[in-house]
Protein backbone atom coordinates (compact mmCIF):
# COMPACT_ATOMS: atom_id res chain seq x y z
CA MET A 1 42.12 -10.54 13.25
CA ALA A 2 41.42 -11.63 9.69
CA GLY A 3 43.26 -14.73 10.67
CA LEU A 4 41.88 -15.75 13.56
CA LEU A 5 37.97 -15.17 12.25
CA ILE A 6 39.18 -16.90 9.39
CA ARG A 7 40.64 -20.31 12.08
CA LEU A 8 37.27 -19.96 13.70
CA LYS A 9 35.46 -20.12 10.77
CA PHE A 10 37.27 -23.35 9.94
CA THR A 11 36.41 -24.60 13.12
CA LEU A 12 32.97 -23.99 13.50
CA LEU A 13 32.81 -25.89 9.76
CA GLY A 14 34.45 -28.90 10.97
CA HIS A 15 31.42 -29.27 13.68
CA SER A 16 28.67 -27.73 11.23
CA ALA A 17 28.75 -30.45 8.28
CA THR A 18 25.15 -30.31 6.62
CA GLY A 19 23.19 -32.21 3.88
CA MET A 20 22.72 -28.95 2.36
CA ARG A 21 26.36 -27.95 2.33
CA LEU A 22 27.02 -30.87 0.51
CA LEU A 23 25.04 -30.94 -1.87
CA GLY A 24 25.93 -27.17 -2.51
CA ILE A 25 29.53 -28.20 -3.19
CA ALA A 26 28.53 -30.91 -5.44
CA LEU A 27 26.45 -28.22 -7.62
CA ALA A 28 29.52 -26.10 -7.49
CA VAL A 29 31.78 -29.15 -8.47
CA LEU A 30 29.23 -29.92 -11.30
CA GLY A 31 28.99 -25.85 -12.31
CA LEU A 32 32.95 -26.02 -12.08
CA GLY A 33 32.89 -28.85 -14.86
CA LEU A 34 30.40 -26.94 -17.33
CA THR A 35 32.10 -24.04 -17.45
CA TRP A 36 35.50 -25.57 -18.33
CA PHE A 37 33.67 -27.99 -20.84
CA PHE A 38 32.47 -24.93 -22.41
CA ALA A 39 36.03 -22.88 -22.29
CA LEU A 40 37.49 -26.45 -23.81
CA THR A 41 34.85 -27.28 -26.51
CA ALA A 42 33.98 -24.14 -27.75
CA GLY A 43 33.84 -23.96 -31.51
CA SER A 44 35.91 -20.58 -31.77
CA ASP A 45 36.69 -17.73 -29.94
CA ASP A 46 33.66 -15.58 -30.25
CA VAL A 47 31.28 -18.97 -29.36
CA ARG A 48 33.56 -18.98 -26.41
CA ALA A 49 33.23 -15.66 -25.31
CA ASP A 50 29.23 -16.16 -25.93
CA LEU A 51 29.24 -19.04 -23.42
CA LEU A 52 31.40 -17.29 -20.86
CA THR A 53 28.76 -14.36 -20.48
CA LEU A 54 26.34 -16.69 -20.23
CA VAL A 55 28.06 -19.33 -17.55
CA PHE A 56 29.31 -16.22 -15.62
CA ALA A 57 25.83 -14.57 -14.95
CA VAL A 58 24.77 -18.25 -13.79
CA TRP A 59 27.51 -18.56 -11.09
CA ALA A 60 26.34 -14.93 -10.34
CA ALA A 61 22.48 -16.36 -9.87
CA ALA A 62 23.20 -19.22 -8.17
CA TRP A 63 25.40 -16.90 -5.37
CA MET A 64 22.67 -14.61 -5.15
CA LEU A 65 19.61 -17.08 -4.34
CA GLY A 66 21.79 -20.22 -2.99
CA PRO A 67 22.26 -19.22 0.20
CA THR A 68 18.91 -17.87 0.64
CA VAL A 69 17.37 -21.48 -0.49
CA ALA A 70 20.27 -23.23 1.65
CA ASN A 71 19.67 -21.51 5.24
CA GLY A 72 22.96 -19.87 4.32
CA THR A 73 23.48 -17.48 6.58
CA GLY A 74 26.82 -18.13 7.21
CA VAL A 75 29.11 -19.51 9.52
CA LEU A 76 30.14 -16.68 11.34
CA ARG A 77 27.44 -14.24 12.30
CA SER A 78 27.57 -10.36 13.43
CA GLN A 79 25.48 -10.93 16.47
CA TYR A 80 28.57 -12.86 17.63
CA PHE A 81 30.78 -9.71 17.91
CA ALA A 82 28.12 -7.09 18.85
CA LEU A 83 29.18 -6.74 22.09
CA LEU A 84 33.21 -6.87 21.76
CA PRO A 85 34.56 -3.49 21.64
CA LEU A 86 35.50 -3.43 18.02
CA ASP A 87 35.36 -1.18 15.08
CA ARG A 88 31.75 -1.73 13.57
CA ARG A 89 32.21 -1.38 10.27
CA ARG A 90 35.76 -2.86 9.97
CA LEU A 91 34.31 -5.75 11.70
CA GLY A 92 31.63 -6.23 9.20
CA ALA A 93 34.89 -5.55 6.33
CA LEU A 94 36.74 -8.44 7.99
CA LEU A 95 33.45 -10.90 8.35
CA LEU A 96 33.20 -10.36 4.43
CA VAL A 97 36.88 -11.56 4.15
CA THR A 98 36.04 -14.70 5.95
CA MET A 99 33.42 -15.78 2.89
CA PHE A 100 36.03 -16.08 0.69
CA PHE A 101 37.79 -18.42 2.60
CA ASP A 102 35.82 -21.79 1.55
CA ILE A 103 35.12 -24.61 -0.39
CA GLY A 104 32.48 -23.05 -2.49
CA PRO A 105 34.47 -19.68 -3.16
CA ALA A 106 37.07 -21.60 -4.22
CA LEU A 107 35.78 -23.86 -7.00
CA THR A 108 34.15 -20.72 -7.93
CA LEU A 109 37.68 -19.08 -8.49
CA VAL A 110 38.71 -21.93 -10.72
CA ALA A 111 35.55 -22.07 -12.69
CA LEU A 112 35.92 -17.95 -13.56
CA ALA A 113 39.71 -18.70 -14.26
CA ALA A 114 38.15 -19.94 -17.47
CA LEU A 115 38.32 -16.32 -18.42
CA ALA A 116 42.59 -16.25 -18.55
CA TRP A 117 42.27 -19.82 -20.82
CA HIS A 118 40.21 -17.57 -23.33
CA ALA A 119 42.20 -14.96 -23.16
CA LEU A 120 45.49 -17.57 -23.75
CA SER A 121 43.17 -18.31 -26.90
CA VAL A 122 42.74 -15.31 -28.45
CA ASP A 123 45.36 -13.22 -27.36
CA PRO A 124 48.16 -14.11 -24.92
CA ALA A 125 48.67 -10.36 -23.75
CA ALA A 126 44.50 -10.33 -23.11
CA LEU A 127 46.05 -12.45 -20.12
CA LEU A 128 46.80 -8.50 -18.61
CA VAL A 129 43.00 -8.02 -18.32
CA ALA A 130 41.79 -11.50 -18.15
CA VAL A 131 43.84 -12.09 -14.46
CA PRO A 132 42.28 -9.13 -12.72
CA GLY A 133 39.50 -9.70 -14.22
CA PHE A 134 38.18 -12.61 -13.00
CA LEU A 135 39.63 -11.90 -9.79
CA LEU A 136 37.42 -8.66 -9.50
CA LEU A 137 34.62 -10.67 -11.01
CA TRP A 138 34.75 -13.62 -7.84
CA VAL A 139 34.85 -10.56 -5.54
CA LEU A 140 31.96 -9.24 -6.69
CA VAL A 141 30.05 -12.49 -7.18
CA ILE A 142 30.75 -13.28 -3.90
CA SER A 143 30.16 -10.13 -2.62
CA LEU A 144 26.66 -9.77 -4.30
CA SER A 145 26.03 -12.81 -2.26
CA ARG A 146 26.01 -11.55 1.11
CA LEU A 147 24.73 -8.12 0.50
CA VAL A 148 21.34 -10.14 -0.78
CA PHE A 149 21.04 -12.22 1.33
CA ARG A 150 21.56 -9.30 4.00
CA ALA A 151 19.71 -6.81 2.16
CA LEU A 152 16.88 -9.27 2.47
CA GLY A 153 17.09 -9.82 5.96
CA ALA A 154 17.21 -6.13 6.53
CA ALA A 155 14.21 -5.87 4.51
CA MET A 156 12.26 -7.79 6.35
CA HIS A 157 12.33 -4.76 9.11
CA SER A 158 9.02 -2.87 6.88
CA ARG A 159 6.13 -4.38 5.39
CA LEU A 160 7.08 -3.49 2.02
CA GLY A 161 10.55 -5.03 2.34
CA MET A 162 8.57 -8.04 3.69
CA GLU A 163 6.43 -8.13 0.62
CA ILE A 164 9.35 -7.88 -1.50
CA ALA A 165 11.03 -10.47 -0.29
CA SER A 166 7.98 -12.74 -0.15
CA VAL A 167 8.05 -12.18 -4.32
CA GLN A 168 11.65 -13.14 -4.08
CA TRP A 169 10.94 -15.98 -2.32
CA GLY A 170 7.63 -16.88 -4.73
CA LEU A 171 9.95 -16.79 -7.61
CA ILE A 172 12.24 -19.03 -6.18
CA LEU A 173 9.85 -21.58 -4.65
CA ALA A 174 7.96 -21.59 -8.20
CA GLY A 175 11.46 -22.24 -10.01
CA ILE A 176 11.97 -24.94 -8.09
CA PHE A 177 8.62 -26.66 -8.40
CA PHE A 178 8.45 -25.56 -12.23
CA GLY A 179 12.01 -24.52 -13.18
CA TRP A 180 12.59 -27.82 -15.26
CA MET A 181 10.34 -26.53 -18.05
CA ALA A 182 12.94 -23.97 -18.79
CA VAL A 183 15.98 -26.13 -17.86
CA GLN A 184 14.80 -28.88 -19.93
CA PRO A 185 15.10 -26.90 -23.45
CA ALA A 186 18.36 -25.20 -21.84
CA PHE A 187 19.72 -28.29 -21.21
CA SER A 188 18.97 -30.11 -24.40
CA ALA A 189 20.62 -27.39 -26.30
CA THR A 190 23.74 -27.47 -24.18
CA LEU A 191 25.47 -29.67 -27.21
CA SER A 192 24.64 -27.45 -29.62
CA LEU A 193 25.74 -24.30 -27.60
CA SER A 194 29.37 -25.32 -27.56
CA GLU A 195 29.33 -25.14 -31.81
CA ASN A 196 26.91 -22.70 -32.33
CA GLY A 197 27.04 -20.29 -29.41
CA LEU A 198 24.06 -17.91 -27.99
CA GLY A 199 23.70 -17.13 -31.78
CA GLU A 200 22.00 -13.64 -32.60
CA GLY A 201 19.11 -12.48 -30.65
CA ALA A 202 17.80 -10.89 -27.43
CA VAL A 203 19.51 -13.14 -24.92
CA GLY A 204 22.90 -12.23 -26.05
CA THR A 205 22.43 -8.05 -25.69
CA VAL A 206 21.10 -8.69 -22.29
CA LEU A 207 23.52 -11.00 -21.06
CA ALA A 208 26.38 -8.50 -22.54
CA VAL A 209 24.85 -5.71 -20.50
CA LEU A 210 25.36 -7.55 -17.14
CA PRO A 211 28.85 -6.90 -15.31
CA THR A 212 29.24 -10.19 -15.15
CA SER A 213 29.99 -9.93 -18.75
CA TRP A 214 32.07 -6.79 -18.59
CA PRO A 215 35.75 -9.24 -17.82
CA VAL A 216 34.92 -11.10 -21.00
CA LEU A 217 34.11 -8.02 -23.11
CA ALA A 218 37.34 -6.48 -21.95
CA VAL A 219 39.51 -9.74 -22.73
CA GLN A 220 37.48 -8.85 -26.30
CA ALA A 221 38.75 -5.32 -26.39
CA ALA A 222 42.28 -5.84 -25.68
CA ALA A 223 42.20 -9.46 -27.99
CA ALA A 224 41.09 -6.41 -30.31
CA GLY A 225 44.27 -3.65 -30.01
CA SER A 226 41.38 -1.68 -27.78
CA TRP A 227 43.48 -1.13 -24.80
CA GLY A 228 41.70 2.01 -23.78
CA ALA A 229 38.46 -0.03 -23.98
CA ALA A 230 39.51 -3.15 -22.54
CA ALA A 231 40.71 -0.50 -19.29
CA ALA A 232 37.01 1.39 -19.47
CA TRP A 233 35.69 -2.19 -18.67
CA LEU A 234 38.04 -3.23 -16.03
CA GLY A 235 37.70 0.12 -14.13
CA ALA A 236 34.08 0.11 -14.59
CA LEU A 237 33.70 -3.47 -12.86
CA ALA A 238 36.62 -2.70 -10.28
CA LEU A 239 34.27 0.40 -9.41
CA LEU A 240 30.86 -1.63 -9.18
CA THR A 241 33.26 -4.01 -7.16
CA GLY A 242 34.40 -1.64 -4.76
CA ALA A 243 30.53 -0.03 -3.86
CA LEU A 244 29.09 -3.50 -3.39
CA VAL A 245 32.18 -4.58 -0.66
CA ALA A 246 31.39 -1.25 0.80
CA VAL A 247 28.03 -1.69 1.04
CA THR A 248 28.28 -5.04 1.93
CA SER A 249 30.56 -4.52 4.96
CA VAL A 250 28.39 -1.55 6.19
CA LEU A 251 25.37 -4.42 6.05
CA LEU A 252 27.74 -6.93 7.81
CA ALA A 253 28.45 -4.81 10.58
CA PRO A 254 26.29 -6.01 13.95
CA ARG A 255 24.09 -3.98 15.73
CA VAL A 256 23.10 -3.01 18.77
CA GLU A 257 19.51 -1.49 18.33
CA ALA A 258 17.93 0.08 21.51
CA ARG A 259 13.92 -1.09 20.79
CA GLY A 260 11.84 2.08 21.86
CA VAL A 261 8.04 1.15 23.26
CA ARG A 262 5.35 2.96 21.48
CA ARG A 263 2.93 4.92 23.17
CA ARG A 264 -0.98 3.48 22.44
CA SER A 265 -3.20 5.70 20.32
CA ARG A 266 -5.51 4.88 23.36
CA PRO A 267 -6.28 2.87 26.05
CA LEU A 268 -6.10 -1.10 25.82
CA GLY A 269 -9.44 -0.77 27.61
CA ALA A 270 -11.04 1.02 25.16
CA ARG A 271 -10.81 -1.81 22.86
CA PRO A 272 -13.34 -4.58 22.77
CA LEU A 273 -11.97 -7.00 24.77
CA THR A 274 -13.23 -10.75 23.84
CA GLY A 275 -12.14 -13.97 23.15
CA GLY A 276 -10.61 -13.48 19.95
CA GLY A 277 -8.85 -10.27 21.71
CA PRO A 278 -8.77 -6.46 19.66
CA GLY A 279 -10.15 -6.16 17.19
CA PHE A 280 -11.50 -9.58 16.73
CA SER A 281 -15.06 -9.27 17.82
CA LEU A 282 -16.53 -11.60 15.67
CA LEU A 283 -14.29 -14.89 17.77
CA PRO A 284 -16.35 -16.86 20.09
CA ASP A 285 -15.02 -16.06 23.86
CA THR A 286 -13.46 -19.27 24.08
CA PRO A 287 -9.74 -20.32 24.61
CA LEU A 288 -10.00 -21.49 21.24
CA GLY A 289 -11.23 -18.13 20.20
CA ALA A 290 -8.47 -16.36 22.29
CA VAL A 291 -5.74 -18.75 20.14
CA VAL A 292 -7.49 -17.92 16.86
CA GLY A 293 -7.00 -13.85 17.53
CA LYS A 294 -3.93 -14.25 18.68
CA GLU A 295 -2.69 -16.49 15.85
CA LEU A 296 -4.20 -14.21 12.95
CA ARG A 297 -2.05 -10.93 14.29
CA GLN A 298 0.98 -12.62 14.39
CA TRP A 299 0.66 -14.55 10.90
CA TRP A 300 -0.33 -10.49 9.90
CA ARG A 301 2.57 -8.39 12.22
CA ASP A 302 5.24 -11.03 12.53
CA PRO A 303 7.54 -10.09 9.34
CA TRP A 304 8.95 -13.68 9.73
CA ARG A 305 5.64 -15.50 9.73
CA GLY A 306 4.40 -13.47 7.13
CA LEU A 307 7.16 -13.88 4.68
CA GLU A 308 6.16 -17.90 4.76
CA LEU A 309 2.33 -17.48 4.23
CA ARG A 310 2.71 -14.78 1.17
CA ALA A 311 5.35 -16.53 -0.45
CA SER A 312 3.31 -20.08 -0.88
CA LEU A 313 0.69 -17.67 -2.51
CA TRP A 314 3.04 -15.76 -4.95
CA ALA A 315 4.85 -18.63 -6.01
CA ALA A 316 1.37 -20.39 -6.30
CA LEU A 317 0.49 -17.64 -8.48
CA PHE A 318 4.03 -17.71 -10.50
CA ILE A 319 3.49 -21.39 -11.06
CA GLY A 320 -0.14 -20.60 -12.44
CA LEU A 321 1.44 -17.65 -14.84
CA LEU A 322 4.09 -20.02 -15.78
CA THR A 323 2.20 -22.82 -16.77
CA TRP A 324 -0.61 -20.98 -18.86
CA PRO A 325 1.35 -20.25 -21.94
CA SER A 326 2.79 -23.83 -22.16
CA ASP A 327 0.88 -26.32 -24.18
CA GLN A 328 2.11 -29.27 -22.17
CA PHE A 329 1.55 -27.85 -18.62
CA SER A 330 -1.03 -25.79 -18.66
CA PHE A 331 -3.48 -28.19 -17.48
CA PHE A 332 -1.80 -27.00 -14.09
CA THR A 333 -2.61 -23.56 -14.15
CA PRO A 334 -6.79 -23.85 -12.87
CA PHE A 335 -4.69 -25.13 -9.81
CA ALA A 336 -2.96 -22.85 -8.65
CA GLY A 337 -4.99 -22.63 -5.18
CA VAL A 338 -4.31 -26.45 -5.04
CA ILE A 339 -0.14 -25.73 -5.11
CA ALA A 340 -0.96 -22.86 -2.68
CA ALA A 341 -2.44 -25.54 -0.22
CA PHE A 342 0.65 -27.90 -1.10
CA ILE A 343 3.01 -25.30 -0.64
CA MET A 344 1.46 -23.26 2.69
CA VAL A 345 2.53 -27.08 4.54
CA LEU A 346 6.18 -26.82 3.96
CA ALA A 347 6.13 -23.31 4.67
CA THR A 348 3.79 -23.68 7.90
CA ALA A 349 5.13 -27.04 9.61
CA ASN A 350 7.73 -25.23 11.95
CA MET A 351 4.97 -22.84 13.76
CA TYR A 352 6.33 -23.17 17.51
CA GLY A 353 9.61 -22.65 16.48
CA HIS A 354 8.91 -19.29 15.41
CA ASP A 355 7.30 -18.62 18.56
CA GLY A 356 10.70 -19.10 20.16
CA THR A 357 10.95 -18.66 23.91
CA ALA A 358 7.87 -17.34 24.35
CA VAL A 359 6.54 -21.01 24.26
CA TRP A 360 7.24 -20.78 28.25
CA LEU A 361 4.04 -19.01 28.19
CA SER A 362 2.05 -22.07 27.18
CA VAL A 363 4.08 -24.32 29.80
CA VAL A 364 3.37 -21.72 32.62
CA GLY A 365 -0.17 -21.33 31.94
CA GLN A 366 -0.68 -25.03 30.86
CA ASP A 367 -4.33 -26.87 32.20
CA ARG A 368 -6.65 -28.81 31.15
CA GLY A 369 -7.99 -28.20 27.65
CA SER A 370 -4.97 -25.58 27.23
CA VAL A 371 -3.03 -27.19 24.80
CA ARG A 372 -5.88 -28.85 22.77
CA ALA A 373 -7.21 -25.02 22.13
CA ASP A 374 -3.74 -23.62 21.30
CA VAL A 375 -3.38 -26.47 18.26
CA ARG A 376 -7.00 -26.27 16.97
CA GLY A 377 -6.75 -22.50 17.17
CA ARG A 378 -3.45 -22.79 14.99
CA GLN A 379 -5.08 -24.97 12.59
CA VAL A 380 -7.95 -22.70 12.08
CA ALA A 381 -6.01 -19.41 11.82
CA ILE A 382 -3.80 -20.80 8.98
CA LEU A 383 -6.82 -21.84 7.11
CA LEU A 384 -8.35 -18.31 7.54
CA LEU A 385 -5.53 -16.79 6.56
CA ILE A 386 -4.48 -18.61 3.48
CA VAL A 387 -8.02 -20.24 2.44
CA PRO A 388 -9.62 -17.14 0.75
CA GLY A 389 -6.52 -15.77 -1.53
CA ALA A 390 -6.05 -19.45 -2.54
CA THR A 391 -9.87 -19.78 -3.78
CA LEU A 392 -9.48 -16.50 -5.37
CA MET A 393 -6.69 -17.48 -6.94
CA SER A 394 -7.91 -20.90 -8.57
CA THR A 395 -11.72 -19.23 -9.16
CA ALA A 396 -9.29 -16.72 -11.53
CA PHE A 397 -7.59 -18.95 -13.12
CA VAL A 398 -10.11 -21.12 -14.34
CA LEU A 399 -12.42 -18.69 -15.37
CA ALA A 400 -9.98 -17.06 -17.33
CA THR A 401 -8.80 -20.41 -19.01
CA GLY A 402 -12.06 -21.49 -19.29
CA SER A 403 -10.86 -24.56 -17.82
CA HIS A 404 -14.77 -25.11 -16.48
CA TRP A 405 -14.03 -29.36 -16.56
CA ALA A 406 -11.69 -28.48 -13.33
CA TRP A 407 -14.00 -26.96 -10.63
CA PRO A 408 -14.58 -30.63 -8.82
CA LEU A 409 -11.28 -31.32 -9.51
CA VAL A 410 -10.38 -27.95 -7.82
CA ILE A 411 -12.78 -28.30 -5.04
CA THR A 412 -11.50 -31.62 -4.01
CA GLY A 413 -7.94 -30.93 -4.03
CA MET A 414 -7.88 -27.84 -2.37
CA ALA A 415 -10.61 -29.48 0.66
CA VAL A 416 -8.20 -32.49 1.06
CA PHE A 417 -4.98 -30.57 0.97
CA PHE A 418 -5.74 -27.72 2.95
CA GLY A 419 -7.36 -30.22 5.55
CA VAL A 420 -4.48 -32.47 5.62
CA GLY A 421 -1.88 -29.91 5.56
CA SER A 422 -3.50 -28.18 8.33
CA GLY A 423 -2.96 -31.18 10.37
CA LEU A 424 0.14 -32.17 8.90
CA SER A 425 1.63 -28.75 9.39
CA LEU A 426 1.10 -28.61 13.21
CA LEU A 427 2.21 -32.27 14.05
CA LEU A 428 5.40 -31.52 12.28
CA SER A 429 5.44 -27.84 14.18
CA VAL A 430 5.33 -30.49 17.26
CA VAL A 431 7.46 -33.32 16.73
CA ALA A 432 9.92 -32.09 14.21
CA LEU A 433 10.69 -28.52 15.58
CA SER A 434 13.38 -26.84 14.83
CA PRO A 435 14.49 -23.66 16.96
CA GLY A 436 15.60 -20.73 15.44
CA VAL A 437 16.73 -17.32 16.44
CA ASP A 438 14.37 -15.62 19.21
CA PRO A 439 11.92 -13.74 17.45
CA GLN A 440 13.50 -10.58 18.99
CA LEU A 441 17.01 -10.92 17.73
CA ARG A 442 16.15 -12.20 14.41
CA VAL A 443 17.55 -10.25 11.41
CA ASP A 444 18.07 -12.70 8.58
CA ALA A 445 15.25 -13.94 6.33
CA ASN A 446 16.18 -18.00 7.34
CA ASP A 447 16.36 -16.87 11.07
CA THR A 448 13.47 -19.09 11.82
CA GLY A 449 14.81 -22.33 11.66
CA ASP A 450 16.29 -24.93 9.44
CA ASN A 451 12.70 -27.27 8.60
CA GLN A 452 14.09 -29.44 5.79
CA VAL A 453 13.39 -32.73 7.58
CA GLN A 454 10.41 -31.50 7.73
CA VAL A 455 10.05 -30.78 3.74
CA TRP A 456 10.90 -33.95 2.76
CA ILE A 457 8.36 -35.61 5.20
CA ALA A 458 5.71 -33.61 4.11
CA LEU A 459 6.59 -33.99 0.19
CA VAL A 460 5.89 -37.57 0.99
CA ALA A 461 3.28 -37.59 3.63
CA LEU A 462 1.17 -34.94 2.23
CA PRO A 463 0.25 -37.36 -1.03
CA VAL A 464 -0.22 -40.19 0.82
CA LEU A 465 -2.50 -38.87 3.36
CA SER A 466 -4.36 -37.07 0.58
CA ALA A 467 -4.22 -40.56 -1.32
CA PRO A 468 -7.92 -41.26 -1.35
CA ALA A 469 -9.56 -37.94 -1.91
CA VAL A 470 -6.87 -37.68 -5.48
CA LEU A 471 -7.76 -41.64 -6.16
CA ALA A 472 -11.35 -41.10 -6.23
CA ALA A 473 -11.08 -37.34 -8.10
CA VAL A 474 -8.71 -39.93 -11.04
CA PHE A 475 -11.06 -42.81 -10.99
CA LEU A 476 -14.55 -40.48 -10.59
CA GLY A 477 -13.29 -38.26 -13.22
CA LEU A 478 -12.70 -40.80 -15.79
CA SER A 479 -15.83 -42.03 -15.09
CA GLY A 480 -17.76 -38.85 -16.20
CA LEU A 481 -18.85 -38.52 -12.47
CA PRO A 482 -15.98 -35.85 -11.14
CA TRP A 483 -18.62 -34.05 -8.74
CA LEU A 484 -18.51 -37.20 -6.84
CA ALA A 485 -15.22 -36.89 -5.21
CA VAL A 486 -16.05 -33.82 -3.16
CA PRO A 487 -18.01 -35.44 -0.69
CA VAL A 488 -14.80 -37.56 -0.55
CA GLY A 489 -12.12 -34.61 -0.38
CA LEU A 490 -14.30 -32.97 2.08
CA LEU A 491 -14.23 -35.99 4.31
CA ASN A 492 -10.60 -37.39 3.93
CA GLY A 493 -9.42 -33.52 4.71
CA ALA A 494 -11.75 -33.17 7.97
CA LEU A 495 -10.90 -36.61 8.98
CA ALA A 496 -7.00 -35.88 8.51
CA ALA A 497 -7.42 -32.46 10.04
CA TRP A 498 -9.08 -34.10 13.24
CA TRP A 499 -6.99 -36.71 13.78
CA LEU A 500 -3.37 -35.06 13.04
CA GLY A 501 -4.60 -32.41 15.43
CA ARG A 502 -5.40 -34.84 17.86
CA VAL A 503 -2.17 -36.40 17.56
CA ALA A 504 0.16 -33.31 17.62
CA TYR A 505 -1.80 -32.25 20.71
CA ARG A 506 -1.54 -35.24 22.82
CA ARG A 507 1.80 -35.22 22.44
CA LEU A 508 2.57 -31.66 23.37
CA GLU A 509 0.68 -32.34 26.61
CA ALA A 510 2.68 -34.68 27.42
CA ARG A 511 5.95 -33.28 26.23
CA LEU A 512 5.58 -29.10 26.35
CA PRO A 513 8.39 -28.54 29.40
CA GLU A 514 10.28 -30.37 26.84
CA THR A 515 9.61 -28.89 23.82
CA PHE A 516 10.35 -25.65 25.83
CA THR A 517 13.63 -27.18 26.29
CA ARG A 518 14.32 -27.98 22.84
CA ILE A 519 14.07 -24.62 22.08
CA ARG A 520 15.85 -22.57 24.49
CA TYR A 521 18.71 -24.72 25.26
CA GLY A 522 19.36 -26.68 21.59
CA LYS A 523 19.91 -30.25 20.28
CA ALA A 524 22.39 -31.22 22.32
CA ILE A 525 19.94 -31.04 25.58
CA ALA A 526 17.15 -31.95 23.32
CA LEU A 527 18.21 -34.91 22.36
CA ARG A 528 18.19 -36.69 26.13
CA THR A 529 14.86 -35.86 26.21
CA VAL A 530 13.92 -38.28 23.98
CA PRO A 531 13.70 -41.91 24.24
CA GLU A 532 16.34 -44.01 21.48
CA ASP A 533 13.79 -47.19 21.30
CA GLY A 534 10.42 -45.02 21.57
CA SER A 535 7.42 -45.05 19.76
CA TRP A 536 7.33 -43.82 15.90
CA LEU A 537 6.61 -39.91 17.31
CA ASP A 538 9.94 -40.41 19.29
CA ARG A 539 12.03 -41.59 16.35
CA LEU A 540 10.84 -38.34 14.00
CA GLU A 541 11.82 -35.82 16.92
CA ARG A 542 15.24 -37.54 17.24
CA THR A 543 15.46 -37.33 13.23
CA ALA A 544 14.53 -34.26 13.42
CA ILE A 545 16.67 -33.11 15.92
CA ALA A 546 20.00 -34.48 14.32
CA GLY A 547 18.82 -33.81 10.86
CA ASN A 548 18.00 -30.05 11.22
CA ALA A 549 20.65 -27.34 11.10
CA GLU A 550 21.02 -25.23 14.33
CA THR A 551 20.43 -21.68 12.78
CA ARG A 552 20.05 -20.19 16.46
CA PRO A 553 23.26 -18.39 17.99
CA THR A 554 24.45 -20.31 20.82
CA GLY A 555 23.64 -18.96 23.88
CA SER A 556 20.64 -16.19 22.85
């Protein structure tokens, strides 16, 4: 059975090469080269031991975070086998076995084998500990990667778990944008590490406690003649690895759960029914108000939507805290709210993909003005949800840092980025829509669809469309008139929100059935509905269809 699943995995991999996968392989090759560089050029055996504890910890961290960032749901999803008459726990273990058969795990194994070279250098007899040590560490690292990814998906089914996942995503995004602040000095110190190692300090002490250092400590103990201590370190690693494999196998096992229907606490008719829906009596009794109310509820209740919304706020908060103590980068701290607006576009650029096949309701209910209300309502709802938090965040950072000079720039930046962003995210959600797993079938945190094309487009389009306000803020600020940039930012943001939203709803009005087809049947069918030599929107749509990975299970 394991052989069948492995062959199935390689067959699917042969038809699903993506840019993120190639990037991951390139980074793994780079990591392999650095690992062996440290192993071969270390100034002494003790320095090599220090460096291996550091490198092994980095490998484990990369495997923990990499699949989450790169949409690493795995080639074989447990849902594929949910209805087969197979023992579920055994199937979970088999799915875990297939994770070790790929280029990334193979490169990782070769990198961890540097421990054997270290054992040969200190005492050839220590190979008796080194070989099982790096093999156990390999199993632990790959299992930990799957455990973290699946645990993140399982946590999405509770509000507390979703908040924890949001914090994790916020840390990841903050690291992507400003992690180079920590990487730059580490990269500069790389050459000296080969001579001096980590030296005395808290870093070496912390690394020694991590399980990734236990095989190195076992080799060191064996080389010193303490075979009992070496066996103890190796035994502890084996127990921990076995526990991780057991837990991961359970999480990877497919589940078929009956969805119960909870009884309402009071009849629906007892609630105020306004245009905004139950609990939204302040919204107008119009189609626009109904859409705003529906979107507010969905962004609040749907864990997969809430993850992306909260992650943008957490990322901005972490970036503000990260740059605050820095002398070089403290300039960015007051602009945490502006950064939240920027990340919001990246996080909300696939709204119709989030809806899944529920878009069918919009298709059958389409009439004059319904699509326009749907697009405008989504723009309003996302601003109502994120603007207050971003404003409060920037206000707190400005007051805490005493950077009162930043008030006009912060207001200008938030006005233009939220305006441009609310329109750009809707346009990308329509034109570059990426279907994911249908909402009722979602399991993993990345099941809402791959949106790498939207992200790259937004990274370029958002600064370009905001250029008038940004240039005004720079030149008027240098001229001593920074407050004059505020109306420019408001006008720039308002015009961009109106124009981009107009392009979005006119496009959706003309292609609403095709949009549903793309969600329901995937990229192979969707490509047939888009002209090859059409408008710039057609070209953008074809690029998104071809560029985004299809995370939706076939036939779901």
